Amino acid sequence: MAHRVEKDMNRVDFETIPWKSSIPNARAKTFAEGGRQLRLVEFSHDFVEPDWCTKGHIGYVLEGELELTFADQTTKFTQGDGVFIPPGDAGKHMVKVLTDTVRLILVEDV
């Protein structure tokens, strides 16, 4: 379940949100409201994507480097890069972590 902030809906305090993990070597802090979620995501170097991800993501690389492999290309992302991945088969992708860790902020529909 995603964390919710009761007092101030305009501020997301990631310090108070616990890390959760549903897959090895990846964890996230999630805030959800009104059909959207904001996630602080961290992947370690040993992360292996189990299958193609078809979820849409809009985000920003806070630290580290990663490669996203799409059906027809591989793109490297580094600290400071924005990420825009459309949902569905057209945007299906797999992550490969190039540094010890990668941290991203992602905005997604739920």
PDB file of N, CA and C in Angstrom:
ATOM      1  N   MET A   1       0.841  -1.187   0.000  1.00  0.00           N
ATOM      2  CA  MET A   1       0.000   0.000   0.000  1.00  0.00           C
ATOM      3  C   MET A   1       0.879   1.240   0.000  1.00  0.00           C
ATOM      4  N   ALA A   2       0.516   2.213  -0.767  1.00  0.00           N
ATOM      5  CA  ALA A   2       1.279   3.447  -0.868  1.00  0.00           C
ATOM      6  C   ALA A   2       1.026   4.323   0.357  1.00  0.00           C
ATOM      7  N   HIS A   3       2.046   5.037   0.753  1.00  0.00           N
ATOM      8  CA  HIS A   3       1.986   5.929   1.902  1.00  0.00           C
ATOM      9  C   HIS A   3       1.150   7.157   1.557  1.00  0.00           C
ATOM     10  N   ARG A   4       0.440   7.664   2.539  1.00  0.00           N
ATOM     11  CA  ARG A   4      -0.327   8.892   2.359  1.00  0.00           C
ATOM     12  C   ARG A   4       0.063   9.878   3.438  1.00  0.00           C
ATOM     13  N   VAL A   5       0.076  11.133   3.117  1.00  0.00           N
ATOM     14  CA  VAL A   5       0.390  12.198   4.061  1.00  0.00           C
ATOM     15  C   VAL A   5      -0.922  12.854   4.465  1.00  0.00           C
ATOM     16  N   GLU A   6      -1.171  12.940   5.760  1.00  0.00           N
ATOM     17  CA  GLU A   6      -2.457  13.455   6.230  1.00  0.00           C
ATOM     18  C   GLU A   6      -2.503  14.982   6.346  1.00  0.00           C
ATOM     19  N   LYS A   7      -1.469  15.617   6.874  1.00  0.00           N
ATOM     20  CA  LYS A   7      -1.548  17.038   7.202  1.00  0.00           C
ATOM     21  C   LYS A   7      -1.344  17.961   6.007  1.00  0.00           C
ATOM     22  N   ASP A   8      -0.386  17.675   5.167  1.00  0.00           N
ATOM     23  CA  ASP A   8      -0.036  18.595   4.092  1.00  0.00           C
ATOM     24  C   ASP A   8       0.060  17.823   2.786  1.00  0.00           C
ATOM     25  N   MET A   9      -0.997  17.844   2.006  1.00  0.00           N
ATOM     26  CA  MET A   9      -1.045  17.059   0.770  1.00  0.00           C
ATOM     27  C   MET A   9      -0.151  17.627  -0.320  1.00  0.00           C
ATOM     28  N   ASN A  10       0.433  18.797  -0.111  1.00  0.00           N
ATOM     29  CA  ASN A  10       1.287  19.403  -1.127  1.00  0.00           C
ATOM     30  C   ASN A  10       2.751  19.040  -0.962  1.00  0.00           C
ATOM     31  N   ARG A  11       3.120  18.434   0.146  1.00  0.00           N
ATOM     32  CA  ARG A  11       4.516  18.098   0.424  1.00  0.00           C
ATOM     33  C   ARG A  11       4.636  16.602   0.657  1.00  0.00           C
ATOM     34  N   VAL A  12       5.574  15.975  -0.053  1.00  0.00           N
ATOM     35  CA  VAL A  12       5.848  14.557   0.141  1.00  0.00           C
ATOM     36  C   VAL A  12       7.173  14.460   0.875  1.00  0.00           C
ATOM     37  N   ASP A  13       7.138  13.950   2.097  1.00  0.00           N
ATOM     38  CA  ASP A  13       8.335  13.801   2.920  1.00  0.00           C
ATOM     39  C   ASP A  13       8.829  12.359   2.807  1.00  0.00           C
ATOM     40  N   PHE A  14       9.749  12.114   1.877  1.00  0.00           N
ATOM     41  CA  PHE A  14      10.250  10.760   1.667  1.00  0.00           C
ATOM     42  C   PHE A  14      10.985  10.207   2.884  1.00  0.00           C
ATOM     43  N   GLU A  15      11.453  11.081   3.776  1.00  0.00           N
ATOM     44  CA  GLU A  15      12.131  10.611   4.997  1.00  0.00           C
ATOM     45  C   GLU A  15      11.198   9.802   5.885  1.00  0.00           C
ATOM     46  N   THR A  16       9.905  10.101   5.838  1.00  0.00           N
ATOM     47  CA  THR A  16       8.947   9.412   6.708  1.00  0.00           C
ATOM     48  C   THR A  16       8.302   8.193   6.046  1.00  0.00           C
ATOM     49  N   ILE A  17       8.555   7.985   4.781  1.00  0.00           N
ATOM     50  CA  ILE A  17       7.962   6.873   4.048  1.00  0.00           C
ATOM     51  C   ILE A  17       8.942   5.691   4.083  1.00  0.00           C
ATOM     52  N   PRO A  18       8.499   4.521   4.483  1.00  0.00           N
ATOM     53  CA  PRO A  18       9.403   3.371   4.548  1.00  0.00           C
ATOM     54  C   PRO A  18       9.729   2.818   3.158  1.00  0.00           C
ATOM     55  N   TRP A  19      10.953   2.270   3.031  1.00  0.00           N
ATOM     56  CA  TRP A  19      11.330   1.569   1.809  1.00  0.00           C
ATOM     57  C   TRP A  19      10.533   0.275   1.725  1.00  0.00           C
ATOM     58  N   LYS A  20      10.097  -0.083   0.514  1.00  0.00           N
ATOM     59  CA  LYS A  20       9.423  -1.366   0.264  1.00  0.00           C
ATOM     60  C   LYS A  20      10.047  -1.997  -0.963  1.00  0.00           C
ATOM     61  N   SER A  21      10.097  -3.322  -0.946  1.00  0.00           N
ATOM     62  CA  SER A  21      10.692  -4.041  -2.058  1.00  0.00           C
ATOM     63  C   SER A  21       9.804  -5.205  -2.461  1.00  0.00           C
ATOM     64  N   SER A  22       9.535  -5.305  -3.753  1.00  0.00           N
ATOM     65  CA  SER A  22       8.755  -6.431  -4.259  1.00  0.00           C
ATOM     66  C   SER A  22       9.584  -7.299  -5.201  1.00  0.00           C
ATOM     67  N   ILE A  23      10.836  -6.893  -5.425  1.00  0.00           N
ATOM     68  CA  ILE A  23      11.736  -7.616  -6.317  1.00  0.00           C
ATOM     69  C   ILE A  23      13.166  -7.435  -5.795  1.00  0.00           C
ATOM     70  N   PRO A  24      13.998  -8.464  -5.870  1.00  0.00           N
ATOM     71  CA  PRO A  24      15.362  -8.343  -5.342  1.00  0.00           C
ATOM     72  C   PRO A  24      16.155  -7.202  -5.986  1.00  0.00           C
ATOM     73  N   ASN A  25      16.924  -6.520  -5.146  1.00  0.00           N
ATOM     74  CA  ASN A  25      17.844  -5.457  -5.567  1.00  0.00           C
ATOM     75  C   ASN A  25      17.152  -4.210  -6.104  1.00  0.00           C
ATOM     76  N   ALA A  26      15.891  -4.019  -5.727  1.00  0.00           N
ATOM     77  CA  ALA A  26      15.146  -2.807  -6.060  1.00  0.00           C
ATOM     78  C   ALA A  26      14.231  -2.486  -4.887  1.00  0.00           C
ATOM     79  N   ARG A  27      14.129  -1.203  -4.582  1.00  0.00           N
ATOM     80  CA  ARG A  27      13.223  -0.786  -3.521  1.00  0.00           C
ATOM     81  C   ARG A  27      12.669   0.588  -3.869  1.00  0.00           C
ATOM     82  N   ALA A  28      11.553   0.949  -3.217  1.00  0.00           N
ATOM     83  CA  ALA A  28      10.906   2.221  -3.524  1.00  0.00           C
ATOM     84  C   ALA A  28      10.184   2.774  -2.312  1.00  0.00           C
ATOM     85  N   LYS A  29      10.073   4.097  -2.291  1.00  0.00           N
ATOM     86  CA  LYS A  29       9.214   4.819  -1.366  1.00  0.00           C
ATOM     87  C   LYS A  29       8.129   5.438  -2.237  1.00  0.00           C
ATOM     88  N   THR A  30       6.861   5.167  -1.893  1.00  0.00           N
ATOM     89  CA  THR A  30       5.763   5.540  -2.772  1.00  0.00           C
ATOM     90  C   THR A  30       4.754   6.420  -2.059  1.00  0.00           C
ATOM     91  N   PHE A  31       4.354   7.485  -2.736  1.00  0.00           N
ATOM     92  CA  PHE A  31       3.251   8.342  -2.297  1.00  0.00           C
ATOM     93  C   PHE A  31       2.206   8.318  -3.400  1.00  0.00           C
ATOM     94  N   ALA A  32       0.962   7.984  -3.061  1.00  0.00           N
ATOM     95  CA  ALA A  32      -0.104   7.894  -4.057  1.00  0.00           C
ATOM     96  C   ALA A  32      -1.273   8.788  -3.671  1.00  0.00           C
ATOM     97  N   GLU A  33      -1.865   9.402  -4.703  1.00  0.00           N
ATOM     98  CA  GLU A  33      -3.025  10.267  -4.486  1.00  0.00           C
ATOM     99  C   GLU A  33      -3.730  10.471  -5.820  1.00  0.00           C
ATOM    100  N   GLY A  34      -5.043  10.290  -5.825  1.00  0.00           N
ATOM    101  CA  GLY A  34      -5.850  10.619  -6.998  1.00  0.00           C
ATOM    102  C   GLY A  34      -5.468   9.901  -8.278  1.00  0.00           C
ATOM    103  N   GLY A  35      -5.116   8.643  -8.205  1.00  0.00           N
ATOM    104  CA  GLY A  35      -4.814   7.885  -9.399  1.00  0.00           C
ATOM    105  C   GLY A  35      -3.401   8.055  -9.936  1.00  0.00           C
ATOM    106  N   ARG A  36      -2.564   8.801  -9.216  1.00  0.00           N
ATOM    107  CA  ARG A  36      -1.162   9.002  -9.606  1.00  0.00           C
ATOM    108  C   ARG A  36      -0.279   8.645  -8.424  1.00  0.00           C
ATOM    109  N   GLN A  37       0.965   8.317  -8.724  1.00  0.00           N
ATOM    110  CA  GLN A  37       1.908   8.071  -7.638  1.00  0.00           C
ATOM    111  C   GLN A  37       3.258   8.694  -7.962  1.00  0.00           C
ATOM    112  N   LEU A  38       3.944   9.071  -6.894  1.00  0.00           N
ATOM    113  CA  LEU A  38       5.296   9.598  -6.956  1.00  0.00           C
ATOM    114  C   LEU A  38       6.169   8.605  -6.218  1.00  0.00           C
ATOM    115  N   ARG A  39       7.217   8.105  -6.898  1.00  0.00           N
ATOM    116  CA  ARG A  39       8.080   7.098  -6.278  1.00  0.00           C
ATOM    117  C   ARG A  39       9.530   7.532  -6.307  1.00  0.00           C
ATOM    118  N   LEU A  40      10.194   7.319  -5.182  1.00  0.00           N
ATOM    119  CA  LEU A  40      11.645   7.384  -5.105  1.00  0.00           C
ATOM    120  C   LEU A  40      12.102   5.941  -5.250  1.00  0.00           C
ATOM    121  N   VAL A  41      12.796   5.621  -6.332  1.00  0.00           N
ATOM    122  CA  VAL A  41      13.173   4.246  -6.653  1.00  0.00           C
ATOM    123  C   VAL A  41      14.684   4.108  -6.603  1.00  0.00           C
ATOM    124  N   GLU A  42      15.133   2.992  -6.034  1.00  0.00           N
ATOM    125  CA  GLU A  42      16.562   2.709  -5.965  1.00  0.00           C
ATOM    126  C   GLU A  42      16.816   1.286  -6.481  1.00  0.00           C
ATOM    127  N   PHE A  43      17.730   1.173  -7.436  1.00  0.00           N
ATOM    128  CA  PHE A  43      18.168  -0.116  -7.957  1.00  0.00           C
ATOM    129  C   PHE A  43      19.620  -0.315  -7.575  1.00  0.00           C
ATOM    130  N   SER A  44      19.986  -1.525  -7.152  1.00  0.00           N
ATOM    131  CA  SER A  44      21.401  -1.831  -6.918  1.00  0.00           C
ATOM    132  C   SER A  44      21.977  -2.466  -8.178  1.00  0.00           C
ATOM    133  N   HIS A  45      23.298  -2.523  -8.241  1.00  0.00           N
ATOM    134  CA  HIS A  45      23.996  -3.017  -9.428  1.00  0.00           C
ATOM    135  C   HIS A  45      23.563  -4.437  -9.811  1.00  0.00           C
ATOM    136  N   ASP A  46      23.175  -5.249  -8.844  1.00  0.00           N
ATOM    137  CA  ASP A  46      22.790  -6.640  -9.103  1.00  0.00           C
ATOM    138  C   ASP A  46      21.343  -6.809  -9.565  1.00  0.00           C
ATOM    139  N   PHE A  47      20.628  -5.708  -9.763  1.00  0.00           N
ATOM    140  CA  PHE A  47      19.233  -5.797 -10.195  1.00  0.00           C
ATOM    141  C   PHE A  47      19.144  -6.444 -11.572  1.00  0.00           C
ATOM    142  N   VAL A  48      18.223  -7.396 -11.710  1.00  0.00           N
ATOM    143  CA  VAL A  48      17.946  -8.049 -12.990  1.00  0.00           C
ATOM    144  C   VAL A  48      16.443  -7.963 -13.242  1.00  0.00           C
ATOM    145  N   GLU A  49      16.086  -7.353 -14.335  1.00  0.00           N
ATOM    146  CA  GLU A  49      14.677  -7.235 -14.708  1.00  0.00           C
ATOM    147  C   GLU A  49      14.156  -8.623 -15.075  1.00  0.00           C
ATOM    148  N   PRO A  50      13.081  -9.101 -14.429  1.00  0.00           N
ATOM    149  CA  PRO A  50      12.591 -10.456 -14.703  1.00  0.00           C
ATOM    150  C   PRO A  50      11.859 -10.587 -16.037  1.00  0.00           C
ATOM    151  N   ASP A  51      11.343  -9.468 -16.548  1.00  0.00           N
ATOM    152  CA  ASP A  51      10.585  -9.494 -17.794  1.00  0.00           C
ATOM    153  C   ASP A  51      10.473  -8.059 -18.305  1.00  0.00           C
ATOM    154  N   TRP A  52       9.984  -7.878 -19.511  1.00  0.00           N
ATOM    155  CA  TRP A  52       9.768  -6.545 -20.049  1.00  0.00           C
ATOM    156  C   TRP A  52       8.767  -5.785 -19.175  1.00  0.00           C
ATOM    157  N   CYS A  53       9.063  -4.539 -18.873  1.00  0.00           N
ATOM    158  CA  CYS A  53       8.129  -3.654 -18.170  1.00  0.00           C
ATOM    159  C   CYS A  53       7.352  -2.879 -19.231  1.00  0.00           C
ATOM    160  N   THR A  54       6.029  -2.878 -19.115  1.00  0.00           N
ATOM    161  CA  THR A  54       5.194  -2.148 -20.069  1.00  0.00           C
ATOM    162  C   THR A  54       4.472  -0.965 -19.418  1.00  0.00           C
ATOM    163  N   LYS A  55       4.862  -0.638 -18.189  1.00  0.00           N
ATOM    164  CA  LYS A  55       4.276   0.514 -17.509  1.00  0.00           C
ATOM    165  C   LYS A  55       4.902   1.795 -18.053  1.00  0.00           C
ATOM    166  N   GLY A  56       4.127   2.847 -18.059  1.00  0.00           N
ATOM    167  CA  GLY A  56       4.648   4.154 -18.444  1.00  0.00           C
ATOM    168  C   GLY A  56       5.310   4.825 -17.256  1.00  0.00           C
ATOM    169  N   HIS A  57       6.392   5.553 -17.517  1.00  0.00           N
ATOM    170  CA  HIS A  57       7.116   6.264 -16.457  1.00  0.00           C
ATOM    171  C   HIS A  57       7.536   7.643 -16.958  1.00  0.00           C
ATOM    172  N   ILE A  58       7.422   8.620 -16.088  1.00  0.00           N
ATOM    173  CA  ILE A  58       8.002   9.938 -16.307  1.00  0.00           C
ATOM    174  C   ILE A  58       8.871  10.194 -15.092  1.00  0.00           C
ATOM    175  N   GLY A  59      10.134  10.566 -15.305  1.00  0.00           N
ATOM    176  CA  GLY A  59      10.982  10.713 -14.144  1.00  0.00           C
ATOM    177  C   GLY A  59      12.266  11.459 -14.384  1.00  0.00           C
ATOM    178  N   TYR A  60      13.127  11.357 -13.381  1.00  0.00           N
ATOM    179  CA  TYR A  60      14.379  12.097 -13.337  1.00  0.00           C
ATOM    180  C   TYR A  60      15.412  11.241 -12.614  1.00  0.00           C
ATOM    181  N   VAL A  61      16.599  11.116 -13.191  1.00  0.00           N
ATOM    182  CA  VAL A  61      17.672  10.346 -12.568  1.00  0.00           C
ATOM    183  C   VAL A  61      18.379  11.239 -11.548  1.00  0.00           C
ATOM    184  N   LEU A  62      18.246  10.875 -10.271  1.00  0.00           N
ATOM    185  CA  LEU A  62      18.874  11.644  -9.199  1.00  0.00           C
ATOM    186  C   LEU A  62      20.363  11.343  -9.073  1.00  0.00           C
ATOM    187  N   GLU A  63      20.711  10.047  -9.187  1.00  0.00           N
ATOM    188  CA  GLU A  63      22.117   9.648  -9.089  1.00  0.00           C
ATOM    189  C   GLU A  63      22.328   8.308  -9.767  1.00  0.00           C
ATOM    190  N   GLY A  64      23.542   8.105 -10.273  1.00  0.00           N
ATOM    191  CA  GLY A  64      23.897   6.845 -10.905  1.00  0.00           C
ATOM    192  C   GLY A  64      23.669   6.847 -12.406  1.00  0.00           C
ATOM    193  N   GLU A  65      23.945   5.690 -12.997  1.00  0.00           N
ATOM    194  CA  GLU A  65      23.774   5.502 -14.439  1.00  0.00           C
ATOM    195  C   GLU A  65      23.060   4.189 -14.705  1.00  0.00           C
ATOM    196  N   LEU A  66      22.203   4.186 -15.719  1.00  0.00           N
ATOM    197  CA  LEU A  66      21.501   2.982 -16.113  1.00  0.00           C
ATOM    198  C   LEU A  66      21.311   2.968 -17.618  1.00  0.00           C
ATOM    199  N   GLU A  67      21.070   1.778 -18.139  1.00  0.00           N
ATOM    200  CA  GLU A  67      20.668   1.619 -19.527  1.00  0.00           C
ATOM    201  C   GLU A  67      19.248   1.092 -19.544  1.00  0.00           C
ATOM    202  N   LEU A  68      18.466   1.624 -20.451  1.00  0.00           N
ATOM    203  CA  LEU A  68      17.133   1.094 -20.706  1.00  0.00           C
ATOM    204  C   LEU A  68      17.155   0.483 -22.091  1.00  0.00           C
ATOM    205  N   THR A  69      16.854  -0.794 -22.147  1.00  0.00           N
ATOM    206  CA  THR A  69      16.763  -1.482 -23.425  1.00  0.00           C
ATOM    207  C   THR A  69      15.307  -1.512 -23.841  1.00  0.00           C
ATOM    208  N   PHE A  70      15.045  -0.953 -25.012  1.00  0.00           N
ATOM    209  CA  PHE A  70      13.717  -0.957 -25.612  1.00  0.00           C
ATOM    210  C   PHE A  70      13.715  -2.005 -26.722  1.00  0.00           C
ATOM    211  N   ALA A  71      12.604  -2.226 -27.358  1.00  0.00           N
ATOM    212  CA  ALA A  71      12.502  -3.244 -28.405  1.00  0.00           C
ATOM    213  C   ALA A  71      13.494  -2.988 -29.544  1.00  0.00           C
ATOM    214  N   ASP A  72      13.768  -1.704 -29.841  1.00  0.00           N
ATOM    215  CA  ASP A  72      14.594  -1.385 -31.001  1.00  0.00           C
ATOM    216  C   ASP A  72      15.867  -0.592 -30.694  1.00  0.00           C
ATOM    217  N   GLN A  73      16.155  -0.333 -29.425  1.00  0.00           N
ATOM    218  CA  GLN A  73      17.355   0.438 -29.087  1.00  0.00           C
ATOM    219  C   GLN A  73      17.673   0.325 -27.611  1.00  0.00           C
ATOM    220  N   THR A  74      18.905   0.703 -27.250  1.00  0.00           N
ATOM    221  CA  THR A  74      19.331   0.807 -25.854  1.00  0.00           C
ATOM    222  C   THR A  74      19.799   2.238 -25.638  1.00  0.00           C
ATOM    223  N   THR A  75      19.320   2.856 -24.550  1.00  0.00           N
ATOM    224  CA  THR A  75      19.641   4.242 -24.249  1.00  0.00           C
ATOM    225  C   THR A  75      20.234   4.331 -22.861  1.00  0.00           C
ATOM    226  N   LYS A  76      21.343   5.081 -22.732  1.00  0.00           N
ATOM    227  CA  LYS A  76      21.986   5.289 -21.439  1.00  0.00           C
ATOM    228  C   LYS A  76      21.435   6.568 -20.805  1.00  0.00           C
ATOM    229  N   PHE A  77      21.151   6.488 -19.510  1.00  0.00           N
ATOM    230  CA  PHE A  77      20.676   7.630 -18.734  1.00  0.00           C
ATOM    231  C   PHE A  77      21.635   7.860 -17.576  1.00  0.00           C
ATOM    232  N   THR A  78      21.964   9.121 -17.305  1.00  0.00           N
ATOM    233  CA  THR A  78      22.864   9.468 -16.211  1.00  0.00           C
ATOM    234  C   THR A  78      22.221  10.535 -15.338  1.00  0.00           C
ATOM    235  N   GLN A  79      22.881  10.824 -14.230  1.00  0.00           N
ATOM    236  CA  GLN A  79      22.392  11.820 -13.280  1.00  0.00           C
ATOM    237  C   GLN A  79      22.004  13.102 -14.011  1.00  0.00           C
ATOM    238  N   GLY A  80      20.796  13.571 -13.721  1.00  0.00           N
ATOM    239  CA  GLY A  80      20.303  14.798 -14.324  1.00  0.00           C
ATOM    240  C   GLY A  80      19.444  14.585 -15.557  1.00  0.00           C
ATOM    241  N   ASP A  81      19.396  13.366 -16.082  1.00  0.00           N
ATOM    242  CA  ASP A  81      18.582  13.090 -17.261  1.00  0.00           C
ATOM    243  C   ASP A  81      17.114  12.909 -16.892  1.00  0.00           C
ATOM    244  N   GLY A  82      16.253  13.380 -17.748  1.00  0.00           N
ATOM    245  CA  GLY A  82      14.833  13.107 -17.637  1.00  0.00           C
ATOM    246  C   GLY A  82      14.514  11.807 -18.358  1.00  0.00           C
ATOM    247  N   VAL A  83      13.457  11.152 -17.904  1.00  0.00           N
ATOM    248  CA  VAL A  83      13.030   9.881 -18.486  1.00  0.00           C
ATOM    249  C   VAL A  83      11.553  10.008 -18.856  1.00  0.00           C
ATOM    250  N   PHE A  84      11.224   9.651 -20.096  1.00  0.00           N
ATOM    251  CA  PHE A  84       9.823   9.627 -20.521  1.00  0.00           C
ATOM    252  C   PHE A  84       9.600   8.339 -21.293  1.00  0.00           C
ATOM    253  N   ILE A  85       8.814   7.430 -20.709  1.00  0.00           N
ATOM    254  CA  ILE A  85       8.544   6.134 -21.324  1.00  0.00           C
ATOM    255  C   ILE A  85       7.030   5.966 -21.430  1.00  0.00           C
ATOM    256  N   PRO A  86       6.506   5.850 -22.650  1.00  0.00           N
ATOM    257  CA  PRO A  86       5.064   5.660 -22.789  1.00  0.00           C
ATOM    258  C   PRO A  86       4.649   4.258 -22.347  1.00  0.00           C
ATOM    259  N   PRO A  87       3.403   4.102 -21.898  1.00  0.00           N
ATOM    260  CA  PRO A  87       2.929   2.773 -21.491  1.00  0.00           C
ATOM    261  C   PRO A  87       2.655   1.881 -22.696  1.00  0.00           C
ATOM    262  N   GLY A  88       2.595   0.575 -22.434  1.00  0.00           N
ATOM    263  CA  GLY A  88       2.234  -0.392 -23.460  1.00  0.00           C
ATOM    264  C   GLY A  88       3.439  -0.982 -24.176  1.00  0.00           C
ATOM    265  N   ASP A  89       3.153  -1.782 -25.190  1.00  0.00           N
ATOM    266  CA  ASP A  89       4.211  -2.470 -25.934  1.00  0.00           C
ATOM    267  C   ASP A  89       5.171  -1.507 -26.623  1.00  0.00           C
ATOM    268  N   ALA A  90       4.690  -0.340 -27.041  1.00  0.00           N
ATOM    269  CA  ALA A  90       5.552   0.625 -27.720  1.00  0.00           C
ATOM    270  C   ALA A  90       6.685   1.117 -26.814  1.00  0.00           C
ATOM    271  N   GLY A  91       6.451   1.144 -25.514  1.00  0.00           N
ATOM    272  CA  GLY A  91       7.461   1.623 -24.573  1.00  0.00           C
ATOM    273  C   GLY A  91       8.077   0.528 -23.720  1.00  0.00           C
ATOM    274  N   LYS A  92       7.826  -0.737 -24.059  1.00  0.00           N
ATOM    275  CA  LYS A  92       8.341  -1.814 -23.197  1.00  0.00           C
ATOM    276  C   LYS A  92       9.861  -1.698 -23.080  1.00  0.00           C
ATOM    277  N   HIS A  93      10.345  -1.988 -21.860  1.00  0.00           N
ATOM    278  CA  HIS A  93      11.753  -1.733 -21.571  1.00  0.00           C
ATOM    279  C   HIS A  93      12.268  -2.664 -20.479  1.00  0.00           C
ATOM    280  N   MET A  94      13.589  -2.744 -20.403  1.00  0.00           N
ATOM    281  CA  MET A  94      14.276  -3.481 -19.345  1.00  0.00           C
ATOM    282  C   MET A  94      15.415  -2.598 -18.841  1.00  0.00           C
ATOM    283  N   VAL A  95      15.663  -2.645 -17.519  1.00  0.00           N
ATOM    284  CA  VAL A  95      16.680  -1.819 -16.869  1.00  0.00           C
ATOM    285  C   VAL A  95      17.957  -2.618 -16.655  1.00  0.00           C
ATOM    286  N   LYS A  96      19.094  -1.962 -16.900  1.00  0.00           N
ATOM    287  CA  LYS A  96      20.403  -2.488 -16.520  1.00  0.00           C
ATOM    288  C   LYS A  96      21.130  -1.381 -15.771  1.00  0.00           C
ATOM    289  N   VAL A  97      21.541  -1.669 -14.534  1.00  0.00           N
ATOM    290  CA  VAL A  97      22.211  -0.691 -13.685  1.00  0.00           C
ATOM    291  C   VAL A  97      23.714  -0.713 -13.991  1.00  0.00           C
ATOM    292  N   LEU A  98      24.301   0.451 -14.253  1.00  0.00           N
ATOM    293  CA  LEU A  98      25.710   0.549 -14.633  1.00  0.00           C
ATOM    294  C   LEU A  98      26.621   0.978 -13.486  1.00  0.00           C
ATOM    295  N   THR A  99      26.052   1.513 -12.409  1.00  0.00           N
ATOM    296  CA  THR A  99      26.826   1.963 -11.254  1.00  0.00           C
ATOM    297  C   THR A  99      26.402   1.138 -10.035  1.00  0.00           C
ATOM    298  N   ASP A 100      27.009   1.393  -8.879  1.00  0.00           N
ATOM    299  CA  ASP A 100      26.641   0.632  -7.678  1.00  0.00           C
ATOM    300  C   ASP A 100      25.153   0.737  -7.373  1.00  0.00           C
ATOM    301  N   THR A 101      24.623   1.950  -7.461  1.00  0.00           N
ATOM    302  CA  THR A 101      23.188   2.171  -7.268  1.00  0.00           C
ATOM    303  C   THR A 101      22.704   3.241  -8.237  1.00  0.00           C
ATOM    304  N   VAL A 102      21.417   3.220  -8.469  1.00  0.00           N
ATOM    305  CA  VAL A 102      20.739   4.253  -9.262  1.00  0.00           C
ATOM    306  C   VAL A 102      19.520   4.668  -8.468  1.00  0.00           C
ATOM    307  N   ARG A 103      19.305   5.985  -8.379  1.00  0.00           N
ATOM    308  CA  ARG A 103      18.090   6.515  -7.741  1.00  0.00           C
ATOM    309  C   ARG A 103      17.368   7.392  -8.735  1.00  0.00           C
ATOM    310  N   LEU A 104      16.053   7.186  -8.810  1.00  0.00           N
ATOM    311  CA  LEU A 104      15.203   7.952  -9.707  1.00  0.00           C
ATOM    312  C   LEU A 104      13.965   8.429  -8.972  1.00  0.00           C
ATOM    313  N   ILE A 105      13.406   9.506  -9.457  1.00  0.00           N
ATOM    314  CA  ILE A 105      12.070   9.938  -9.077  1.00  0.00           C
ATOM    315  C   ILE A 105      11.186   9.612 -10.262  1.00  0.00           C
ATOM    316  N   LEU A 106      10.084   8.899 -10.026  1.00  0.00           N
ATOM    317  CA  LEU A 106       9.162   8.516 -11.088  1.00  0.00           C
ATOM    318  C   LEU A 106       7.739   8.967 -10.759  1.00  0.00           C
ATOM    319  N   VAL A 107       7.040   9.462 -11.757  1.00  0.00           N
ATOM    320  CA  VAL A 107       5.623   9.817 -11.639  1.00  0.00           C
ATOM    321  C   VAL A 107       4.868   8.852 -12.545  1.00  0.00           C
ATOM    322  N   GLU A 108       3.839   8.202 -11.972  1.00  0.00           N
ATOM    323  CA  GLU A 108       3.156   7.144 -12.717  1.00  0.00           C
ATOM    324  C   GLU A 108       1.652   7.160 -12.422  1.00  0.00           C
ATOM    325  N   ASP A 109       0.905   6.670 -13.382  1.00  0.00           N
ATOM    326  CA  ASP A 109      -0.511   6.417 -13.149  1.00  0.00           C
ATOM    327  C   ASP A 109      -0.640   5.095 -12.392  1.00  0.00           C
ATOM    328  N   VAL A 110      -1.640   5.005 -11.513  1.00  0.00           N
ATOM    329  CA  VAL A 110      -1.882   3.754 -10.778  1.00  0.00           C
ATOM    330  C   VAL A 110      -3.234   3.178 -11.122  1.00  0.00           C
TER     331      VAL A 110
END
